[in-house]
Amino acid sequence: MGTKKFKPHATFDAGSDAIYVYLVDAPVDHTASPGDVRVIDYSKDGRIVGIEFLGVAGGVDLSDLPSRSTIEKLISDLARNIEIFA
């Protein structure tokens, strides 16, 4: 009986036209909304826990985000043909 090891992953919510990318397994301490289409959750020690992208039918903008290549891969793994801008 072991515990599952956390793996970064993404989920897609068609009803909300949103993607949430889970980057680390940590409690959310605070949230920032840089612009209208991204919500970034931070841990107490300043790490990005996850990022919510809204209105993804129009694509997602990864510019100015750390770990862009990881985020791009996780979104691509969803196989939703979402355009990625970097």
C-alpha atoms as a PDB file:
ATOM      1  CA  MET A   1       0.000   0.000   0.000  1.00  0.00           C
ATOM      2  CA  GLY A   2       1.977   2.966  -1.197  1.00  0.00           C
ATOM      3  CA  THR A   3       0.920   6.475  -1.864  1.00  0.00           C
ATOM      4  CA  LYS A   4       0.689   7.660  -5.426  1.00  0.00           C
ATOM      5  CA  LYS A   5       3.540   9.868  -6.515  1.00  0.00           C
ATOM      6  CA  PHE A   6       2.365  13.207  -7.877  1.00  0.00           C
ATOM      7  CA  LYS A   7       2.880  13.807 -11.589  1.00  0.00           C
ATOM      8  CA  PRO A   8       2.268  17.167 -13.241  1.00  0.00           C
ATOM      9  CA  HIS A   9      -0.854  16.956 -15.391  1.00  0.00           C
ATOM     10  CA  ALA A  10      -3.613  19.002 -16.997  1.00  0.00           C
ATOM     11  CA  THR A  11      -7.389  18.735 -17.099  1.00  0.00           C
ATOM     12  CA  PHE A  12      -9.850  20.190 -19.592  1.00  0.00           C
ATOM     13  CA  ASP A  13     -13.359  21.392 -18.737  1.00  0.00           C
ATOM     14  CA  ALA A  14     -15.363  21.731 -21.963  1.00  0.00           C
ATOM     15  CA  GLY A  15     -18.299  23.432 -20.236  1.00  0.00           C
ATOM     16  CA  SER A  16     -16.068  26.184 -18.901  1.00  0.00           C
ATOM     17  CA  ASP A  17     -13.688  26.227 -21.901  1.00  0.00           C
ATOM     18  CA  ALA A  18     -10.842  26.029 -19.397  1.00  0.00           C
ATOM     19  CA  ILE A  19      -7.687  24.049 -18.714  1.00  0.00           C
ATOM     20  CA  TYR A  20      -6.039  23.646 -15.328  1.00  0.00           C
ATOM     21  CA  VAL A  21      -2.376  22.639 -15.272  1.00  0.00           C
ATOM     22  CA  TYR A  22      -1.236  21.024 -12.016  1.00  0.00           C
ATOM     23  CA  LEU A  23       2.517  21.586 -11.584  1.00  0.00           C
ATOM     24  CA  VAL A  24       3.327  20.680  -7.964  1.00  0.00           C
ATOM     25  CA  ASP A  25       1.564  18.884  -5.140  1.00  0.00           C
ATOM     26  CA  ALA A  26       1.246  21.642  -2.552  1.00  0.00           C
ATOM     27  CA  PRO A  27      -1.557  23.563  -0.896  1.00  0.00           C
ATOM     28  CA  VAL A  28      -2.565  26.834  -2.558  1.00  0.00           C
ATOM     29  CA  ASP A  29      -1.676  29.828  -0.383  1.00  0.00           C
ATOM     30  CA  HIS A  30      -2.591  32.675  -2.710  1.00  0.00           C
ATOM     31  CA  THR A  31      -3.757  33.375  -6.252  1.00  0.00           C
ATOM     32  CA  ALA A  32      -2.897  35.998  -8.864  1.00  0.00           C
ATOM     33  CA  SER A  33      -4.758  36.883 -12.058  1.00  0.00           C
ATOM     34  CA  PRO A  34      -2.339  38.421 -14.546  1.00  0.00           C
ATOM     35  CA  GLY A  35      -4.841  39.404 -17.229  1.00  0.00           C
ATOM     36  CA  ASP A  36      -8.283  38.059 -17.972  1.00  0.00           C
ATOM     37  CA  VAL A  37      -7.463  34.550 -19.145  1.00  0.00           C
ATOM     38  CA  ARG A  38      -4.964  33.167 -16.609  1.00  0.00           C
ATOM     39  CA  VAL A  39      -5.234  32.453 -12.907  1.00  0.00           C
ATOM     40  CA  ILE A  40      -2.038  31.349 -11.158  1.00  0.00           C
ATOM     41  CA  ASP A  41      -2.088  29.526  -7.813  1.00  0.00           C
ATOM     42  CA  TYR A  42       1.001  29.813  -5.576  1.00  0.00           C
ATOM     43  CA  SER A  43       2.192  27.825  -2.575  1.00  0.00           C
ATOM     44  CA  LYS A  44       3.261  29.493   0.652  1.00  0.00           C
ATOM     45  CA  ASP A  45       6.899  29.271  -0.445  1.00  0.00           C
ATOM     46  CA  GLY A  46       6.160  30.979  -3.794  1.00  0.00           C
ATOM     47  CA  ARG A  47       6.103  27.960  -6.103  1.00  0.00           C
ATOM     48  CA  ILE A  48       3.459  27.833  -8.820  1.00  0.00           C
ATOM     49  CA  VAL A  49       1.044  25.078  -7.814  1.00  0.00           C
ATOM     50  CA  GLY A  50      -1.072  25.361 -10.926  1.00  0.00           C
ATOM     51  CA  ILE A  51      -2.387  27.611 -13.664  1.00  0.00           C
ATOM     52  CA  GLU A  52      -5.933  27.929 -14.953  1.00  0.00           C
ATOM     53  CA  PHE A  53      -6.324  29.037 -18.549  1.00  0.00           C
ATOM     54  CA  LEU A  54      -9.737  30.436 -19.484  1.00  0.00           C
ATOM     55  CA  GLY A  55     -11.282  30.740 -22.948  1.00  0.00           C
ATOM     56  CA  VAL A  56      -8.939  28.125 -24.370  1.00  0.00           C
ATOM     57  CA  ALA A  57     -10.887  27.691 -27.626  1.00  0.00           C
ATOM     58  CA  GLY A  58      -9.037  30.833 -28.738  1.00  0.00           C
ATOM     59  CA  GLY A  59      -5.679  29.346 -27.716  1.00  0.00           C
ATOM     60  CA  VAL A  60      -3.455  29.755 -24.673  1.00  0.00           C
ATOM     61  CA  ASP A  61      -0.660  32.248 -24.160  1.00  0.00           C
ATOM     62  CA  LEU A  62       2.401  30.815 -22.432  1.00  0.00           C
ATOM     63  CA  SER A  63       4.593  33.878 -22.829  1.00  0.00           C
ATOM     64  CA  ASP A  64       6.150  35.106 -19.595  1.00  0.00           C
ATOM     65  CA  LEU A  65       5.360  31.845 -17.751  1.00  0.00           C
ATOM     66  CA  PRO A  66       8.081  29.704 -16.190  1.00  0.00           C
ATOM     67  CA  SER A  67       8.171  26.029 -17.187  1.00  0.00           C
ATOM     68  CA  ARG A  68       6.663  26.826 -20.600  1.00  0.00           C
ATOM     69  CA  SER A  69       7.894  23.611 -22.200  1.00  0.00           C
ATOM     70  CA  THR A  70       6.365  21.493 -19.409  1.00  0.00           C
ATOM     71  CA  ILE A  71       3.058  23.375 -19.594  1.00  0.00           C
ATOM     72  CA  GLU A  72       2.981  23.108 -23.383  1.00  0.00           C
ATOM     73  CA  LYS A  73       3.535  19.337 -23.224  1.00  0.00           C
ATOM     74  CA  LEU A  74       0.830  18.849 -20.593  1.00  0.00           C
ATOM     75  CA  ILE A  75      -1.680  20.831 -22.664  1.00  0.00           C
ATOM     76  CA  SER A  76      -0.685  18.968 -25.835  1.00  0.00           C
ATOM     77  CA  ASP A  77      -1.186  15.657 -23.988  1.00  0.00           C
ATOM     78  CA  LEU A  78      -4.871  16.559 -23.648  1.00  0.00           C
ATOM     79  CA  ALA A  79      -5.203  16.089 -27.444  1.00  0.00           C
ATOM     80  CA  ARG A  80      -7.713  18.918 -27.763  1.00  0.00           C
ATOM     81  CA  ASN A  81      -5.986  20.746 -30.654  1.00  0.00           C
ATOM     82  CA  ILE A  82      -5.642  23.907 -28.593  1.00  0.00           C
ATOM     83  CA  GLU A  83      -3.393  26.502 -30.172  1.00  0.00           C
ATOM     84  CA  ILE A  84      -0.453  27.513 -28.012  1.00  0.00           C
ATOM     85  CA  PHE A  85       1.171  30.937 -28.217  1.00  0.00           C
ATOM     86  CA  ALA A  86       4.575  31.424 -26.649  1.00  0.00           C
END
